[in-house]
Amino acid sequence: MIIIKGLGRKRILKELPFALCANVFGVPFVLRLLFAVHGLVEDSIDYIAQLGEKNCAHPKHRLTGYHDFFIKRIQATDSVLDIGCGNGVVACHIAQATGATVSAIDRDKNNIECAKKAGCNSGVNFILGDAAELAPGHYDIIVLSNVLEHIEHRTVFLRNLVDKTTPQALLIRVPLEHRHWHVAMKNELGIDSRLDKDHFIEYTMEGLLSEVAVTGMELKHVEIKFGEIWAEFAGKNIK
């Protein structure tokens, strides 16, 4: 069968070439092809969208509002460490919006140079280095924005990080595993469903809670938005 009744003539005509291919080569073959094309189109959308933004920053910074999630939880008196800061957009916005003292670390030299050249370093100390090798020192707030999923041994990293920096709070943003039914379909078809080939994990809420539990910090607030988990964890004695 190549026609699904009730969809309307225009929809049926639009899908007819794919339906004919599915009839010949099988539905899984055509789905794999469409998912491959879909991935290429999404990459192009990301690239072209950035061309229209200041300093070619990704438009998600402006559209999703996740910066505000961090900013609302940071005071002017706080010392902040932004781990895996990338081009420094988040760190700079935090410093400018809150007046907090922000340190931002990334192990990619190009990222640090880009952040400094962008001229957004007012109130931000950019550090070239690996956060896993960070020297002991206190920070009130640790920001981990789309970082944990790139780390293989996350519980070890988190435990050591909290031991060395003794923060009052962790502000974490990670991608959600169950963000769309396409993920389950890709898994069924044997297609890599990760958003990035460098991801070691994409999260369930239970998985995130389990990993952060090693730090002794507890969930204070969580939001699920744009296929992501935005979470605030605080020490047990902090309200």
C-alpha atoms as a PDB file:
ATOM      1  CA  MET A   1       0.000   0.000   0.000  1.00  0.00           C
ATOM      2  CA  ILE A   2       1.386   3.433  -0.960  1.00  0.00           C
ATOM      3  CA  ILE A   3      -1.563   5.689  -0.093  1.00  0.00           C
ATOM      4  CA  ILE A   4      -2.671   6.590   3.435  1.00  0.00           C
ATOM      5  CA  LYS A   5      -6.308   7.628   3.230  1.00  0.00           C
ATOM      6  CA  GLY A   6      -7.531  10.847   4.790  1.00  0.00           C
ATOM      7  CA  LEU A   7      -4.359  12.929   4.287  1.00  0.00           C
ATOM      8  CA  GLY A   8      -5.680  14.991   1.385  1.00  0.00           C
ATOM      9  CA  ARG A   9      -4.646  15.104  -2.259  1.00  0.00           C
ATOM     10  CA  LYS A  10      -1.801  17.628  -1.886  1.00  0.00           C
ATOM     11  CA  ARG A  11      -0.134  15.648   0.888  1.00  0.00           C
ATOM     12  CA  ILE A  12      -0.507  12.375  -0.990  1.00  0.00           C
ATOM     13  CA  LEU A  13       1.005  13.868  -4.166  1.00  0.00           C
ATOM     14  CA  LYS A  14       3.899  15.358  -2.189  1.00  0.00           C
ATOM     15  CA  GLU A  15       4.730  12.039  -0.558  1.00  0.00           C
ATOM     16  CA  LEU A  16       4.058   9.880  -3.616  1.00  0.00           C
ATOM     17  CA  PRO A  17       7.702   9.697  -4.847  1.00  0.00           C
ATOM     18  CA  PHE A  18       8.864   8.552  -1.408  1.00  0.00           C
ATOM     19  CA  ALA A  19       5.959   6.121  -1.110  1.00  0.00           C
ATOM     20  CA  LEU A  20       6.814   4.612  -4.492  1.00  0.00           C
ATOM     21  CA  CYS A  21      10.451   4.229  -3.424  1.00  0.00           C
ATOM     22  CA  ALA A  22       9.325   2.619  -0.170  1.00  0.00           C
ATOM     23  CA  ASN A  23       7.185   0.207  -2.157  1.00  0.00           C
ATOM     24  CA  VAL A  24      10.247  -0.854  -4.167  1.00  0.00           C
ATOM     25  CA  PHE A  25      13.119  -0.607  -1.673  1.00  0.00           C
ATOM     26  CA  GLY A  26      11.265  -0.895   1.629  1.00  0.00           C
ATOM     27  CA  VAL A  27      10.201   1.626   4.262  1.00  0.00           C
ATOM     28  CA  PRO A  28      13.403   1.339   6.370  1.00  0.00           C
ATOM     29  CA  PHE A  29      15.591   2.227   3.357  1.00  0.00           C
ATOM     30  CA  VAL A  30      13.579   5.356   2.558  1.00  0.00           C
ATOM     31  CA  LEU A  31      13.445   6.410   6.211  1.00  0.00           C
ATOM     32  CA  ARG A  32      17.235   6.141   6.487  1.00  0.00           C
ATOM     33  CA  LEU A  33      17.559   8.256   3.342  1.00  0.00           C
ATOM     34  CA  LEU A  34      15.139  10.897   4.626  1.00  0.00           C
ATOM     35  CA  PHE A  35      16.839  11.070   8.026  1.00  0.00           C
ATOM     36  CA  ALA A  36      20.200  11.579   6.284  1.00  0.00           C
ATOM     37  CA  VAL A  37      18.778  14.445   4.207  1.00  0.00           C
ATOM     38  CA  HIS A  38      17.070  15.865   7.292  1.00  0.00           C
ATOM     39  CA  GLY A  39      20.406  15.974   9.123  1.00  0.00           C
ATOM     40  CA  LEU A  40      22.105  17.800   6.249  1.00  0.00           C
ATOM     41  CA  VAL A  41      19.288  20.354   6.072  1.00  0.00           C
ATOM     42  CA  GLU A  42      19.453  20.986   9.829  1.00  0.00           C
ATOM     43  CA  ASP A  43      23.215  21.560   9.593  1.00  0.00           C
ATOM     44  CA  SER A  44      22.667  24.102   6.818  1.00  0.00           C
ATOM     45  CA  ILE A  45      19.939  25.872   8.799  1.00  0.00           C
ATOM     46  CA  ASP A  46      22.336  26.207  11.748  1.00  0.00           C
ATOM     47  CA  TYR A  47      25.113  27.569   9.540  1.00  0.00           C
ATOM     48  CA  ILE A  48      23.027  30.106   7.616  1.00  0.00           C
ATOM     49  CA  ALA A  49      21.174  31.261  10.740  1.00  0.00           C
ATOM     50  CA  GLN A  50      24.483  32.126  12.408  1.00  0.00           C
ATOM     51  CA  LEU A  51      25.472  34.367   9.495  1.00  0.00           C
ATOM     52  CA  GLY A  52      22.693  36.748  10.503  1.00  0.00           C
ATOM     53  CA  GLU A  53      23.747  36.996  14.153  1.00  0.00           C
ATOM     54  CA  LYS A  54      26.211  39.315  15.871  1.00  0.00           C
ATOM     55  CA  ASN A  55      29.694  37.744  15.899  1.00  0.00           C
ATOM     56  CA  CYS A  56      28.095  34.741  14.145  1.00  0.00           C
ATOM     57  CA  ALA A  57      26.800  33.467  17.495  1.00  0.00           C
ATOM     58  CA  HIS A  58      24.228  30.698  17.247  1.00  0.00           C
ATOM     59  CA  PRO A  59      20.667  32.153  17.325  1.00  0.00           C
ATOM     60  CA  LYS A  60      19.738  29.705  20.095  1.00  0.00           C
ATOM     61  CA  HIS A  61      21.474  32.091  22.510  1.00  0.00           C
ATOM     62  CA  ARG A  62      18.917  34.755  21.615  1.00  0.00           C
ATOM     63  CA  LEU A  63      15.827  32.648  20.965  1.00  0.00           C
ATOM     64  CA  THR A  64      15.704  30.007  23.700  1.00  0.00           C
ATOM     65  CA  GLY A  65      16.320  32.216  26.735  1.00  0.00           C
ATOM     66  CA  TYR A  66      18.609  29.757  28.482  1.00  0.00           C
ATOM     67  CA  HIS A  67      21.014  32.572  29.399  1.00  0.00           C
ATOM     68  CA  ASP A  68      18.232  33.997  31.568  1.00  0.00           C
ATOM     69  CA  PHE A  69      17.945  30.685  33.418  1.00  0.00           C
ATOM     70  CA  PHE A  70      21.546  31.165  34.558  1.00  0.00           C
ATOM     71  CA  ILE A  71      21.358  34.932  35.097  1.00  0.00           C
ATOM     72  CA  LYS A  72      18.306  34.734  37.401  1.00  0.00           C
ATOM     73  CA  ARG A  73      20.285  32.485  39.745  1.00  0.00           C
ATOM     74  CA  ILE A  74      23.450  34.584  39.976  1.00  0.00           C
ATOM     75  CA  GLN A  75      24.050  37.611  42.209  1.00  0.00           C
ATOM     76  CA  ALA A  76      26.517  40.477  41.751  1.00  0.00           C
ATOM     77  CA  THR A  77      28.517  39.206  44.729  1.00  0.00           C
ATOM     78  CA  ASP A  78      28.933  35.700  43.293  1.00  0.00           C
ATOM     79  CA  SER A  79      32.099  34.274  41.811  1.00  0.00           C
ATOM     80  CA  VAL A  80      31.186  32.198  38.763  1.00  0.00           C
ATOM     81  CA  LEU A  81      33.068  29.524  36.825  1.00  0.00           C
ATOM     82  CA  ASP A  82      31.781  28.758  33.313  1.00  0.00           C
ATOM     83  CA  ILE A  83      33.223  25.417  32.233  1.00  0.00           C
ATOM     84  CA  GLY A  84      33.593  24.709  28.524  1.00  0.00           C
ATOM     85  CA  CYS A  85      32.832  28.346  27.749  1.00  0.00           C
ATOM     86  CA  GLY A  86      33.270  28.060  23.973  1.00  0.00           C
ATOM     87  CA  ASN A  87      33.272  31.505  22.368  1.00  0.00           C
ATOM     88  CA  GLY A  88      32.391  33.124  25.686  1.00  0.00           C
ATOM     89  CA  VAL A  89      28.900  34.352  24.799  1.00  0.00           C
ATOM     90  CA  VAL A  90      27.276  32.919  27.940  1.00  0.00           C
ATOM     91  CA  ALA A  91      30.067  34.034  30.286  1.00  0.00           C
ATOM     92  CA  CYS A  92      30.005  37.580  28.918  1.00  0.00           C
ATOM     93  CA  HIS A  93      26.231  37.865  29.182  1.00  0.00           C
ATOM     94  CA  ILE A  94      26.332  36.632  32.785  1.00  0.00           C
ATOM     95  CA  ALA A  95      29.023  39.181  33.700  1.00  0.00           C
ATOM     96  CA  GLN A  96      27.256  42.064  31.967  1.00  0.00           C
ATOM     97  CA  ALA A  97      23.781  41.231  33.288  1.00  0.00           C
ATOM     98  CA  THR A  98      24.673  40.412  36.899  1.00  0.00           C
ATOM     99  CA  GLY A  99      27.914  42.220  37.673  1.00  0.00           C
ATOM    100  CA  ALA A 100      29.329  38.950  38.991  1.00  0.00           C
ATOM    101  CA  THR A 101      32.994  38.082  38.616  1.00  0.00           C
ATOM    102  CA  VAL A 102      33.190  35.346  35.998  1.00  0.00           C
ATOM    103  CA  SER A 103      36.004  32.970  35.117  1.00  0.00           C
ATOM    104  CA  ALA A 104      35.511  31.041  31.881  1.00  0.00           C
ATOM    105  CA  ILE A 105      37.613  28.024  30.954  1.00  0.00           C
ATOM    106  CA  ASP A 106      37.931  26.114  27.696  1.00  0.00           C
ATOM    107  CA  ARG A 107      40.631  23.753  26.447  1.00  0.00           C
ATOM    108  CA  ASP A 108      40.262  24.920  22.838  1.00  0.00           C
ATOM    109  CA  LYS A 109      42.747  27.716  22.096  1.00  0.00           C
ATOM    110  CA  ASN A 110      40.675  28.984  19.170  1.00  0.00           C
ATOM    111  CA  ASN A 111      37.607  29.364  21.393  1.00  0.00           C
ATOM    112  CA  ILE A 112      39.497  31.422  23.963  1.00  0.00           C
ATOM    113  CA  GLU A 113      41.090  33.624  21.303  1.00  0.00           C
ATOM    114  CA  CYS A 114      37.703  34.139  19.645  1.00  0.00           C
ATOM    115  CA  ALA A 115      36.123  35.145  22.962  1.00  0.00           C
ATOM    116  CA  LYS A 116      38.852  37.673  23.684  1.00  0.00           C
ATOM    117  CA  LYS A 117      38.765  39.150  20.176  1.00  0.00           C
ATOM    118  CA  ALA A 118      35.002  39.599  20.404  1.00  0.00           C
ATOM    119  CA  GLY A 119      35.668  42.243  23.046  1.00  0.00           C
ATOM    120  CA  CYS A 120      33.263  40.775  25.570  1.00  0.00           C
ATOM    121  CA  ASN A 121      35.814  40.208  28.321  1.00  0.00           C
ATOM    122  CA  SER A 122      34.635  42.929  30.690  1.00  0.00           C
ATOM    123  CA  GLY A 123      34.325  41.170  34.038  1.00  0.00           C
ATOM    124  CA  VAL A 124      35.406  37.843  32.543  1.00  0.00           C
ATOM    125  CA  ASN A 125      38.728  36.082  33.066  1.00  0.00           C
ATOM    126  CA  PHE A 126      39.211  33.666  30.166  1.00  0.00           C
ATOM    127  CA  ILE A 127      41.367  30.630  30.947  1.00  0.00           C
ATOM    128  CA  LEU A 128      42.893  28.233  28.431  1.00  0.00           C
ATOM    129  CA  GLY A 129      42.961  24.814  30.040  1.00  0.00           C
ATOM    130  CA  ASP A 130      41.211  21.589  30.981  1.00  0.00           C
ATOM    131  CA  ALA A 131      38.653  21.960  33.763  1.00  0.00           C
ATOM    132  CA  ALA A 132      39.552  18.461  34.978  1.00  0.00           C
ATOM    133  CA  GLU A 133      43.009  19.824  35.840  1.00  0.00           C
ATOM    134  CA  LEU A 134      41.758  23.021  37.463  1.00  0.00           C
ATOM    135  CA  ALA A 135      43.648  24.112  40.574  1.00  0.00           C
ATOM    136  CA  PRO A 136      41.641  24.128  43.832  1.00  0.00           C
ATOM    137  CA  GLY A 137      39.814  27.377  44.492  1.00  0.00           C
ATOM    138  CA  HIS A 138      36.346  28.443  45.593  1.00  0.00           C
ATOM    139  CA  TYR A 139      33.569  29.523  43.224  1.00  0.00           C
ATOM    140  CA  ASP A 140      30.031  30.271  44.345  1.00  0.00           C
ATOM    141  CA  ILE A 141      28.408  29.122  41.100  1.00  0.00           C
ATOM    142  CA  ILE A 142      29.531  26.568  38.503  1.00  0.00           C
ATOM    143  CA  VAL A 143      27.932  26.777  35.047  1.00  0.00           C
ATOM    144  CA  LEU A 144      27.960  23.653  32.860  1.00  0.00           C
ATOM    145  CA  SER A 145      26.119  24.592  29.671  1.00  0.00           C
ATOM    146  CA  ASN A 146      26.030  21.719  27.157  1.00  0.00           C
ATOM    147  CA  VAL A 147      29.267  20.351  28.597  1.00  0.00           C
ATOM    148  CA  LEU A 148      28.598  17.185  30.609  1.00  0.00           C
ATOM    149  CA  GLU A 149      27.505  15.189  27.560  1.00  0.00           C
ATOM    150  CA  HIS A 150      30.992  15.677  26.077  1.00  0.00           C
ATOM    151  CA  ILE A 151      32.718  14.137  29.127  1.00  0.00           C
ATOM    152  CA  GLU A 152      33.227  10.382  29.302  1.00  0.00           C
ATOM    153  CA  HIS A 153      33.835   9.923  33.041  1.00  0.00           C
ATOM    154  CA  ARG A 154      31.260  12.378  34.318  1.00  0.00           C
ATOM    155  CA  THR A 155      30.783  11.217  37.900  1.00  0.00           C
ATOM    156  CA  VAL A 156      34.526  11.360  38.547  1.00  0.00           C
ATOM    157  CA  PHE A 157      34.666  14.794  36.928  1.00  0.00           C
ATOM    158  CA  LEU A 158      31.726  16.146  38.951  1.00  0.00           C
ATOM    159  CA  ARG A 159      32.961  14.766  42.265  1.00  0.00           C
ATOM    160  CA  ASN A 160      36.440  16.226  41.772  1.00  0.00           C
ATOM    161  CA  LEU A 161      35.044  19.533  40.527  1.00  0.00           C
ATOM    162  CA  VAL A 162      32.847  20.062  43.573  1.00  0.00           C
ATOM    163  CA  ASP A 163      35.599  18.931  45.946  1.00  0.00           C
ATOM    164  CA  LYS A 164      38.029  21.467  44.447  1.00  0.00           C
ATOM    165  CA  THR A 165      35.681  24.441  44.018  1.00  0.00           C
ATOM    166  CA  THR A 166      33.179  23.980  46.909  1.00  0.00           C
ATOM    167  CA  PRO A 167      30.330  25.730  45.054  1.00  0.00           C
ATOM    168  CA  GLN A 168      26.980  26.749  46.475  1.00  0.00           C
ATOM    169  CA  ALA A 169      25.241  25.763  43.241  1.00  0.00           C
ATOM    170  CA  LEU A 170      25.645  23.950  39.941  1.00  0.00           C
ATOM    171  CA  LEU A 171      23.720  25.327  36.960  1.00  0.00           C
ATOM    172  CA  ILE A 172      23.484  22.584  34.360  1.00  0.00           C
ATOM    173  CA  ARG A 173      22.118  22.473  30.822  1.00  0.00           C
ATOM    174  CA  VAL A 174      22.149  19.144  28.954  1.00  0.00           C
ATOM    175  CA  PRO A 175      20.364  17.656  25.917  1.00  0.00           C
ATOM    176  CA  LEU A 176      17.359  15.448  26.561  1.00  0.00           C
ATOM    177  CA  GLU A 177      17.469  11.925  25.166  1.00  0.00           C
ATOM    178  CA  HIS A 178      13.710  11.559  24.679  1.00  0.00           C
ATOM    179  CA  ARG A 179      13.280  14.896  22.878  1.00  0.00           C
ATOM    180  CA  HIS A 180      11.378  13.601  19.824  1.00  0.00           C
ATOM    181  CA  TRP A 181       9.894  10.362  18.511  1.00  0.00           C
ATOM    182  CA  HIS A 182      12.500  10.542  15.736  1.00  0.00           C
ATOM    183  CA  VAL A 183      15.102   9.475  18.320  1.00  0.00           C
ATOM    184  CA  ALA A 184      13.273   6.211  18.997  1.00  0.00           C
ATOM    185  CA  MET A 185      12.762   5.640  15.268  1.00  0.00           C
ATOM    186  CA  LYS A 186      16.449   6.240  14.522  1.00  0.00           C
ATOM    187  CA  ASN A 187      17.436   3.796  17.254  1.00  0.00           C
ATOM    188  CA  GLU A 188      15.065   1.211  15.780  1.00  0.00           C
ATOM    189  CA  LEU A 189      16.630   1.729  12.338  1.00  0.00           C
ATOM    190  CA  GLY A 190      20.181   1.505  13.701  1.00  0.00           C
ATOM    191  CA  ILE A 191      20.897   5.183  12.994  1.00  0.00           C
ATOM    192  CA  ASP A 192      23.019   7.241  15.385  1.00  0.00           C
ATOM    193  CA  SER A 193      20.452   9.445  17.134  1.00  0.00           C
ATOM    194  CA  ARG A 194      22.916  11.683  18.984  1.00  0.00           C
ATOM    195  CA  LEU A 195      22.821  15.425  18.370  1.00  0.00           C
ATOM    196  CA  ASP A 196      26.628  15.474  18.206  1.00  0.00           C
ATOM    197  CA  LYS A 197      29.065  12.688  17.404  1.00  0.00           C
ATOM    198  CA  ASP A 198      31.148  13.784  20.416  1.00  0.00           C
ATOM    199  CA  HIS A 199      28.340  13.092  22.895  1.00  0.00           C
ATOM    200  CA  PHE A 200      28.938  10.242  25.316  1.00  0.00           C
ATOM    201  CA  ILE A 201      25.369  10.552  26.591  1.00  0.00           C
ATOM    202  CA  GLU A 202      22.086  12.365  26.083  1.00  0.00           C
ATOM    203  CA  TYR A 203      20.077  12.588  29.251  1.00  0.00           C
ATOM    204  CA  THR A 204      17.012  11.403  31.037  1.00  0.00           C
ATOM    205  CA  MET A 205      16.130  13.253  34.220  1.00  0.00           C
ATOM    206  CA  GLU A 206      16.883  10.112  36.209  1.00  0.00           C
ATOM    207  CA  GLY A 207      20.308   9.828  34.622  1.00  0.00           C
ATOM    208  CA  LEU A 208      21.224  13.409  35.449  1.00  0.00           C
ATOM    209  CA  LEU A 209      20.078  13.062  39.064  1.00  0.00           C
ATOM    210  CA  SER A 210      22.098   9.868  39.430  1.00  0.00           C
ATOM    211  CA  GLU A 211      25.286  11.486  38.159  1.00  0.00           C
ATOM    212  CA  VAL A 212      25.016  14.674  40.204  1.00  0.00           C
ATOM    213  CA  ALA A 213      24.193  12.660  43.344  1.00  0.00           C
ATOM    214  CA  VAL A 214      27.915  11.878  43.769  1.00  0.00           C
ATOM    215  CA  THR A 215      28.524  15.552  44.606  1.00  0.00           C
ATOM    216  CA  GLY A 216      26.118  15.552  47.543  1.00  0.00           C
ATOM    217  CA  MET A 217      24.162  18.386  45.939  1.00  0.00           C
ATOM    218  CA  GLU A 218      20.394  18.264  45.521  1.00  0.00           C
ATOM    219  CA  LEU A 219      18.020  19.367  42.794  1.00  0.00           C
ATOM    220  CA  LYS A 220      16.528  22.762  43.589  1.00  0.00           C
ATOM    221  CA  HIS A 221      14.823  23.657  40.305  1.00  0.00           C
ATOM    222  CA  VAL A 222      14.412  22.118  36.857  1.00  0.00           C
ATOM    223  CA  GLU A 223      12.907  23.131  33.522  1.00  0.00           C
ATOM    224  CA  ILE A 224      12.472  21.050  30.376  1.00  0.00           C
ATOM    225  CA  LYS A 225      12.668  23.314  27.327  1.00  0.00           C
ATOM    226  CA  PHE A 226      13.724  23.029  23.688  1.00  0.00           C
ATOM    227  CA  GLY A 227      14.606  19.363  24.117  1.00  0.00           C
ATOM    228  CA  GLU A 228      16.956  20.151  26.999  1.00  0.00           C
ATOM    229  CA  ILE A 229      17.130  19.854  30.786  1.00  0.00           C
ATOM    230  CA  TRP A 230      17.960  23.091  32.618  1.00  0.00           C
ATOM    231  CA  ALA A 231      18.683  22.270  36.243  1.00  0.00           C
ATOM    232  CA  GLU A 232      19.865  24.024  39.392  1.00  0.00           C
ATOM    233  CA  PHE A 233      21.550  21.930  42.072  1.00  0.00           C
ATOM    234  CA  ALA A 234      22.471  23.316  45.481  1.00  0.00           C
ATOM    235  CA  GLY A 235      24.184  22.125  48.633  1.00  0.00           C
ATOM    236  CA  LYS A 236      21.914  20.366  51.113  1.00  0.00           C
ATOM    237  CA  ASN A 237      22.088  23.257  53.573  1.00  0.00           C
ATOM    238  CA  ILE A 238      21.370  25.944  50.962  1.00  0.00           C
ATOM    239  CA  LYS A 239      17.773  26.974  50.324  1.00  0.00           C
END
